[in-house]
Amino acid sequence: MKLTNDSYTILISTKNFTERYFRDKKGWLKISARGNKFRMTAEQVLNHLLPALAGLKSGIIVKIEHKED
């Protein structure tokens, strides 16, 4: 089982939208609810993820998907 950063997809959702974060060969990539792509650093991903995990924003659902190559 591969447990590296590039084997996970992070989904941050509300009832109206879902954003996807994953790591590819070039680094972290965010796919917005409208389908726009944004390159991100690992620190920027954490800045989006940690408030949701801490429960600071109500109605936010975080889901992590594992994928095998």
PDB file of N, CA and C in Angstrom:
ATOM      1  N   MET A   1       0.850  -1.176   0.000  1.00  0.00           N
ATOM      2  CA  MET A   1       0.000   0.000   0.000  1.00  0.00           C
ATOM      3  C   MET A   1       0.892   1.234   0.000  1.00  0.00           C
ATOM      4  N   LYS A   2       0.646   2.138  -0.929  1.00  0.00           N
ATOM      5  CA  LYS A   2       1.411   3.366  -1.064  1.00  0.00           C
ATOM      6  C   LYS A   2       0.775   4.447  -0.190  1.00  0.00           C
ATOM      7  N   LEU A   3       1.563   5.050   0.708  1.00  0.00           N
ATOM      8  CA  LEU A   3       1.031   6.041   1.634  1.00  0.00           C
ATOM      9  C   LEU A   3       1.711   7.400   1.487  1.00  0.00           C
ATOM     10  N   THR A   4       2.098   7.760   0.276  1.00  0.00           N
ATOM     11  CA  THR A   4       2.740   9.045   0.039  1.00  0.00           C
ATOM     12  C   THR A   4       1.693  10.108  -0.282  1.00  0.00           C
ATOM     13  N   ASN A   5       2.110  11.379  -0.247  1.00  0.00           N
ATOM     14  CA  ASN A   5       1.181  12.496  -0.480  1.00  0.00           C
ATOM     15  C   ASN A   5       0.433  12.383  -1.798  1.00  0.00           C
ATOM     16  N   ASP A   6       1.087  11.858  -2.825  1.00  0.00           N
ATOM     17  CA  ASP A   6       0.440  11.803  -4.139  1.00  0.00           C
ATOM     18  C   ASP A   6      -0.571  10.676  -4.276  1.00  0.00           C
ATOM     19  N   SER A   7      -0.808   9.921  -3.214  1.00  0.00           N
ATOM     20  CA  SER A   7      -1.815   8.861  -3.282  1.00  0.00           C
ATOM     21  C   SER A   7      -3.116   9.250  -2.570  1.00  0.00           C
ATOM     22  N   TYR A   8      -3.271  10.547  -2.267  1.00  0.00           N
ATOM     23  CA  TYR A   8      -4.477  11.026  -1.589  1.00  0.00           C
ATOM     24  C   TYR A   8      -5.109  12.184  -2.349  1.00  0.00           C
ATOM     25  N   THR A   9      -6.431  12.282  -2.242  1.00  0.00           N
ATOM     26  CA  THR A   9      -7.173  13.440  -2.723  1.00  0.00           C
ATOM     27  C   THR A   9      -7.960  13.977  -1.537  1.00  0.00           C
ATOM     28  N   ILE A  10      -7.869  15.278  -1.310  1.00  0.00           N
ATOM     29  CA  ILE A  10      -8.583  15.935  -0.215  1.00  0.00           C
ATOM     30  C   ILE A  10      -9.784  16.650  -0.813  1.00  0.00           C
ATOM     31  N   LEU A  11     -10.960  16.390  -0.274  1.00  0.00           N
ATOM     32  CA  LEU A  11     -12.200  17.034  -0.720  1.00  0.00           C
ATOM     33  C   LEU A  11     -12.739  17.899   0.418  1.00  0.00           C
ATOM     34  N   ILE A  12     -12.917  19.177   0.153  1.00  0.00           N
ATOM     35  CA  ILE A  12     -13.516  20.091   1.123  1.00  0.00           C
ATOM     36  C   ILE A  12     -14.838  20.555   0.522  1.00  0.00           C
ATOM     37  N   SER A  13     -15.936  20.281   1.243  1.00  0.00           N
ATOM     38  CA  SER A  13     -17.266  20.500   0.682  1.00  0.00           C
ATOM     39  C   SER A  13     -18.179  21.249   1.634  1.00  0.00           C
ATOM     40  N   THR A  14     -19.171  21.899   1.040  1.00  0.00           N
ATOM     41  CA  THR A  14     -20.356  22.378   1.743  1.00  0.00           C
ATOM     42  C   THR A  14     -21.533  21.769   0.995  1.00  0.00           C
ATOM     43  N   LYS A  15     -22.735  22.206   1.312  1.00  0.00           N
ATOM     44  CA  LYS A  15     -23.877  21.667   0.579  1.00  0.00           C
ATOM     45  C   LYS A  15     -23.932  22.212  -0.850  1.00  0.00           C
ATOM     46  N   ASN A  16     -23.173  23.285  -1.137  1.00  0.00           N
ATOM     47  CA  ASN A  16     -23.240  23.923  -2.449  1.00  0.00           C
ATOM     48  C   ASN A  16     -22.030  23.706  -3.354  1.00  0.00           C
ATOM     49  N   PHE A  17     -20.881  23.346  -2.806  1.00  0.00           N
ATOM     50  CA  PHE A  17     -19.690  23.211  -3.636  1.00  0.00           C
ATOM     51  C   PHE A  17     -18.709  22.198  -3.060  1.00  0.00           C
ATOM     52  N   THR A  18     -17.771  21.758  -3.892  1.00  0.00           N
ATOM     53  CA  THR A  18     -16.685  20.876  -3.474  1.00  0.00           C
ATOM     54  C   THR A  18     -15.402  21.336  -4.145  1.00  0.00           C
ATOM     55  N   GLU A  19     -14.341  21.442  -3.352  1.00  0.00           N
ATOM     56  CA  GLU A  19     -13.012  21.736  -3.872  1.00  0.00           C
ATOM     57  C   GLU A  19     -12.150  20.506  -3.686  1.00  0.00           C
ATOM     58  N   ARG A  20     -11.290  20.223  -4.657  1.00  0.00           N
ATOM     59  CA  ARG A  20     -10.411  19.057  -4.613  1.00  0.00           C
ATOM     60  C   ARG A  20      -8.965  19.529  -4.542  1.00  0.00           C
ATOM     61  N   TYR A  21      -8.178  18.860  -3.712  1.00  0.00           N
ATOM     62  CA  TYR A  21      -6.756  19.139  -3.581  1.00  0.00           C
ATOM     63  C   TYR A  21      -6.017  17.820  -3.752  1.00  0.00           C
ATOM     64  N   PHE A  22      -4.996  17.816  -4.590  1.00  0.00           N
ATOM     65  CA  PHE A  22      -4.182  16.613  -4.741  1.00  0.00           C
ATOM     66  C   PHE A  22      -2.791  16.984  -5.200  1.00  0.00           C
ATOM     67  N   ARG A  23      -1.883  16.054  -5.065  1.00  0.00           N
ATOM     68  CA  ARG A  23      -0.491  16.278  -5.429  1.00  0.00           C
ATOM     69  C   ARG A  23      -0.177  15.504  -6.699  1.00  0.00           C
ATOM     70  N   ASP A  24       0.432  16.187  -7.664  1.00  0.00           N
ATOM     71  CA  ASP A  24       0.897  15.534  -8.883  1.00  0.00           C
ATOM     72  C   ASP A  24       2.403  15.721  -8.981  1.00  0.00           C
ATOM     73  N   LYS A  25       2.974  15.484 -10.143  1.00  0.00           N
ATOM     74  CA  LYS A  25       4.424  15.561 -10.307  1.00  0.00           C
ATOM     75  C   LYS A  25       4.979  16.964 -10.090  1.00  0.00           C
ATOM     76  N   LYS A  26       4.176  17.989 -10.348  1.00  0.00           N
ATOM     77  CA  LYS A  26       4.640  19.372 -10.219  1.00  0.00           C
ATOM     78  C   LYS A  26       4.395  19.972  -8.842  1.00  0.00           C
ATOM     79  N   GLY A  27       3.569  19.342  -8.020  1.00  0.00           N
ATOM     80  CA  GLY A  27       3.249  19.857  -6.689  1.00  0.00           C
ATOM     81  C   GLY A  27       1.757  19.761  -6.420  1.00  0.00           C
ATOM     82  N   TRP A  28       1.290  20.565  -5.473  1.00  0.00           N
ATOM     83  CA  TRP A  28      -0.115  20.541  -5.086  1.00  0.00           C
ATOM     84  C   TRP A  28      -0.964  21.321  -6.079  1.00  0.00           C
ATOM     85  N   LEU A  29      -2.166  20.792  -6.324  1.00  0.00           N
ATOM     86  CA  LEU A  29      -3.100  21.404  -7.261  1.00  0.00           C
ATOM     87  C   LEU A  29      -4.478  21.452  -6.615  1.00  0.00           C
ATOM     88  N   LYS A  30      -5.133  22.610  -6.736  1.00  0.00           N
ATOM     89  CA  LYS A  30      -6.506  22.781  -6.261  1.00  0.00           C
ATOM     90  C   LYS A  30      -7.404  22.881  -7.477  1.00  0.00           C
ATOM     91  N   ILE A  31      -8.499  22.126  -7.463  1.00  0.00           N
ATOM     92  CA  ILE A  31      -9.547  22.245  -8.476  1.00  0.00           C
ATOM     93  C   ILE A  31     -10.738  22.881  -7.768  1.00  0.00           C
ATOM     94  N   SER A  32     -11.083  24.089  -8.171  1.00  0.00           N
ATOM     95  CA  SER A  32     -12.169  24.806  -7.508  1.00  0.00           C
ATOM     96  C   SER A  32     -13.518  24.223  -7.893  1.00  0.00           C
ATOM     97  N   ALA A  33     -14.553  24.723  -7.245  1.00  0.00           N
ATOM     98  CA  ALA A  33     -15.916  24.270  -7.529  1.00  0.00           C
ATOM     99  C   ALA A  33     -16.317  24.571  -8.971  1.00  0.00           C
ATOM    100  N   ARG A  34     -15.739  25.589  -9.569  1.00  0.00           N
ATOM    101  CA  ARG A  34     -16.039  25.942 -10.959  1.00  0.00           C
ATOM    102  C   ARG A  34     -15.108  25.257 -11.951  1.00  0.00           C
ATOM    103  N   GLY A  35     -14.179  24.445 -11.461  1.00  0.00           N
ATOM    104  CA  GLY A  35     -13.283  23.714 -12.342  1.00  0.00           C
ATOM    105  C   GLY A  35     -11.975  24.422 -12.646  1.00  0.00           C
ATOM    106  N   ASN A  36     -11.747  25.580 -12.032  1.00  0.00           N
ATOM    107  CA  ASN A  36     -10.488  26.288 -12.228  1.00  0.00           C
ATOM    108  C   ASN A  36      -9.360  25.581 -11.490  1.00  0.00           C
ATOM    109  N   LYS A  37      -8.155  25.630 -12.050  1.00  0.00           N
ATOM    110  CA  LYS A  37      -6.996  24.962 -11.459  1.00  0.00           C
ATOM    111  C   LYS A  37      -6.031  25.993 -10.901  1.00  0.00           C
ATOM    112  N   PHE A  38      -5.546  25.719  -9.693  1.00  0.00           N
ATOM    113  CA  PHE A  38      -4.610  26.606  -9.025  1.00  0.00           C
ATOM    114  C   PHE A  38      -3.462  25.787  -8.449  1.00  0.00           C
ATOM    115  N   ARG A  39      -2.229  26.169  -8.753  1.00  0.00           N
ATOM    116  CA  ARG A  39      -1.061  25.563  -8.133  1.00  0.00           C
ATOM    117  C   ARG A  39      -0.933  26.111  -6.722  1.00  0.00           C
ATOM    118  N   MET A  40      -0.548  25.255  -5.778  1.00  0.00           N
ATOM    119  CA  MET A  40      -0.440  25.663  -4.384  1.00  0.00           C
ATOM    120  C   MET A  40       0.804  25.058  -3.761  1.00  0.00           C
ATOM    121  N   THR A  41       1.288  25.710  -2.711  1.00  0.00           N
ATOM    122  CA  THR A  41       2.336  25.126  -1.897  1.00  0.00           C
ATOM    123  C   THR A  41       1.670  24.254  -0.830  1.00  0.00           C
ATOM    124  N   ALA A  42       2.457  23.427  -0.180  1.00  0.00           N
ATOM    125  CA  ALA A  42       1.920  22.592   0.903  1.00  0.00           C
ATOM    126  C   ALA A  42       1.372  23.462   2.028  1.00  0.00           C
ATOM    127  N   GLU A  43       2.014  24.589   2.290  1.00  0.00           N
ATOM    128  CA  GLU A  43       1.548  25.490   3.338  1.00  0.00           C
ATOM    129  C   GLU A  43       0.186  26.082   2.989  1.00  0.00           C
ATOM    130  N   GLN A  44      -0.034  26.413   1.729  1.00  0.00           N
ATOM    131  CA  GLN A  44      -1.328  26.944   1.316  1.00  0.00           C
ATOM    132  C   GLN A  44      -2.428  25.893   1.457  1.00  0.00           C
ATOM    133  N   VAL A  45      -2.115  24.637   1.149  1.00  0.00           N
ATOM    134  CA  VAL A  45      -3.098  23.560   1.323  1.00  0.00           C
ATOM    135  C   VAL A  45      -3.469  23.447   2.797  1.00  0.00           C
ATOM    136  N   LEU A  46      -2.473  23.482   3.673  1.00  0.00           N
ATOM    137  CA  LEU A  46      -2.762  23.417   5.115  1.00  0.00           C
ATOM    138  C   LEU A  46      -3.588  24.615   5.579  1.00  0.00           C
ATOM    139  N   ASN A  47      -3.334  25.797   5.025  1.00  0.00           N
ATOM    140  CA  ASN A  47      -4.111  26.979   5.399  1.00  0.00           C
ATOM    141  C   ASN A  47      -5.580  26.836   5.017  1.00  0.00           C
ATOM    142  N   HIS A  48      -5.888  26.061   3.998  1.00  0.00           N
ATOM    143  CA  HIS A  48      -7.277  25.796   3.617  1.00  0.00           C
ATOM    144  C   HIS A  48      -7.863  24.664   4.460  1.00  0.00           C
ATOM    145  N   LEU A  49      -7.048  23.679   4.774  1.00  0.00           N
ATOM    146  CA  LEU A  49      -7.516  22.461   5.426  1.00  0.00           C
ATOM    147  C   LEU A  49      -7.691  22.596   6.940  1.00  0.00           C
ATOM    148  N   LEU A  50      -6.748  23.228   7.617  1.00  0.00           N
ATOM    149  CA  LEU A  50      -6.767  23.257   9.079  1.00  0.00           C
ATOM    150  C   LEU A  50      -7.978  23.952   9.686  1.00  0.00           C
ATOM    151  N   PRO A  51      -8.439  25.099   9.183  1.00  0.00           N
ATOM    152  CA  PRO A  51      -9.653  25.689   9.773  1.00  0.00           C
ATOM    153  C   PRO A  51     -10.873  24.770   9.661  1.00  0.00           C
ATOM    154  N   ALA A  52     -10.971  24.047   8.552  1.00  0.00           N
ATOM    155  CA  ALA A  52     -12.092  23.113   8.385  1.00  0.00           C
ATOM    156  C   ALA A  52     -11.984  21.971   9.386  1.00  0.00           C
ATOM    157  N   LEU A  53     -10.785  21.441   9.581  1.00  0.00           N
ATOM    158  CA  LEU A  53     -10.598  20.344  10.529  1.00  0.00           C
ATOM    159  C   LEU A  53     -10.799  20.790  11.974  1.00  0.00           C
ATOM    160  N   ALA A  54     -10.459  22.033  12.272  1.00  0.00           N
ATOM    161  CA  ALA A  54     -10.614  22.558  13.632  1.00  0.00           C
ATOM    162  C   ALA A  54     -12.064  22.914  13.953  1.00  0.00           C
ATOM    163  N   GLY A  55     -12.929  22.876  12.958  1.00  0.00           N
ATOM    164  CA  GLY A  55     -14.339  23.173  13.186  1.00  0.00           C
ATOM    165  C   GLY A  55     -14.642  24.659  13.269  1.00  0.00           C
ATOM    166  N   LEU A  56     -13.743  25.493  12.759  1.00  0.00           N
ATOM    167  CA  LEU A  56     -13.948  26.939  12.819  1.00  0.00           C
ATOM    168  C   LEU A  56     -15.000  27.432  11.841  1.00  0.00           C
ATOM    169  N   LYS A  57     -15.257  26.660  10.823  1.00  0.00           N
ATOM    170  CA  LYS A  57     -16.290  27.020   9.852  1.00  0.00           C
ATOM    171  C   LYS A  57     -17.367  25.939   9.887  1.00  0.00           C
ATOM    172  N   SER A  58     -18.590  26.325  10.188  1.00  0.00           N
ATOM    173  CA  SER A  58     -19.660  25.336  10.279  1.00  0.00           C
ATOM    174  C   SER A  58     -20.114  24.914   8.886  1.00  0.00           C
ATOM    175  N   GLY A  59     -20.567  23.695   8.774  1.00  0.00           N
ATOM    176  CA  GLY A  59     -21.088  23.194   7.510  1.00  0.00           C
ATOM    177  C   GLY A  59     -20.036  22.719   6.535  1.00  0.00           C
ATOM    178  N   ILE A  60     -18.772  22.655   6.956  1.00  0.00           N
ATOM    179  CA  ILE A  60     -17.687  22.200   6.086  1.00  0.00           C
ATOM    180  C   ILE A  60     -17.453  20.708   6.331  1.00  0.00           C
ATOM    181  N   ILE A  61     -17.389  19.948   5.259  1.00  0.00           N
ATOM    182  CA  ILE A  61     -17.127  18.510   5.324  1.00  0.00           C
ATOM    183  C   ILE A  61     -15.791  18.244   4.649  1.00  0.00           C
ATOM    184  N   VAL A  62     -14.902  17.538   5.347  1.00  0.00           N
ATOM    185  CA  VAL A  62     -13.600  17.175   4.796  1.00  0.00           C
ATOM    186  C   VAL A  62     -13.570  15.667   4.603  1.00  0.00           C
ATOM    187  N   LYS A  63     -13.206  15.247   3.413  1.00  0.00           N
ATOM    188  CA  LYS A  63     -13.109  13.828   3.097  1.00  0.00           C
ATOM    189  C   LYS A  63     -11.757  13.588   2.430  1.00  0.00           C
ATOM    190  N   ILE A  64     -11.096  12.521   2.822  1.00  0.00           N
ATOM    191  CA  ILE A  64      -9.811  12.148   2.239  1.00  0.00           C
ATOM    192  C   ILE A  64     -10.002  10.817   1.512  1.00  0.00           C
ATOM    193  N   GLU A  65      -9.631  10.787   0.234  1.00  0.00           N
ATOM    194  CA  GLU A  65      -9.720   9.556  -0.554  1.00  0.00           C
ATOM    195  C   GLU A  65      -8.319   9.046  -0.844  1.00  0.00           C
ATOM    196  N   HIS A  66      -8.128   7.749  -0.687  1.00  0.00           N
ATOM    197  CA  HIS A  66      -6.850   7.109  -0.999  1.00  0.00           C
ATOM    198  C   HIS A  66      -6.978   6.431  -2.342  1.00  0.00           C
ATOM    199  N   LYS A  67      -5.951   6.567  -3.172  1.00  0.00           N
ATOM    200  CA  LYS A  67      -5.986   5.912  -4.478  1.00  0.00           C
ATOM    201  C   LYS A  67      -4.703   5.098  -4.666  1.00  0.00           C
ATOM    202  N   GLU A  68      -4.859   3.970  -5.270  1.00  0.00           N
ATOM    203  CA  GLU A  68      -3.725   3.116  -5.634  1.00  0.00           C
ATOM    204  C   GLU A  68      -3.391   3.335  -7.090  1.00  0.00           C
ATOM    205  N   ASP A  69      -2.126   3.308  -7.426  1.00  0.00           N
ATOM    206  CA  ASP A  69      -1.725   3.461  -8.835  1.00  0.00           C
ATOM    207  C   ASP A  69      -1.999   2.212  -9.624  1.00  0.00           C
TER     208      ASP A  69
END
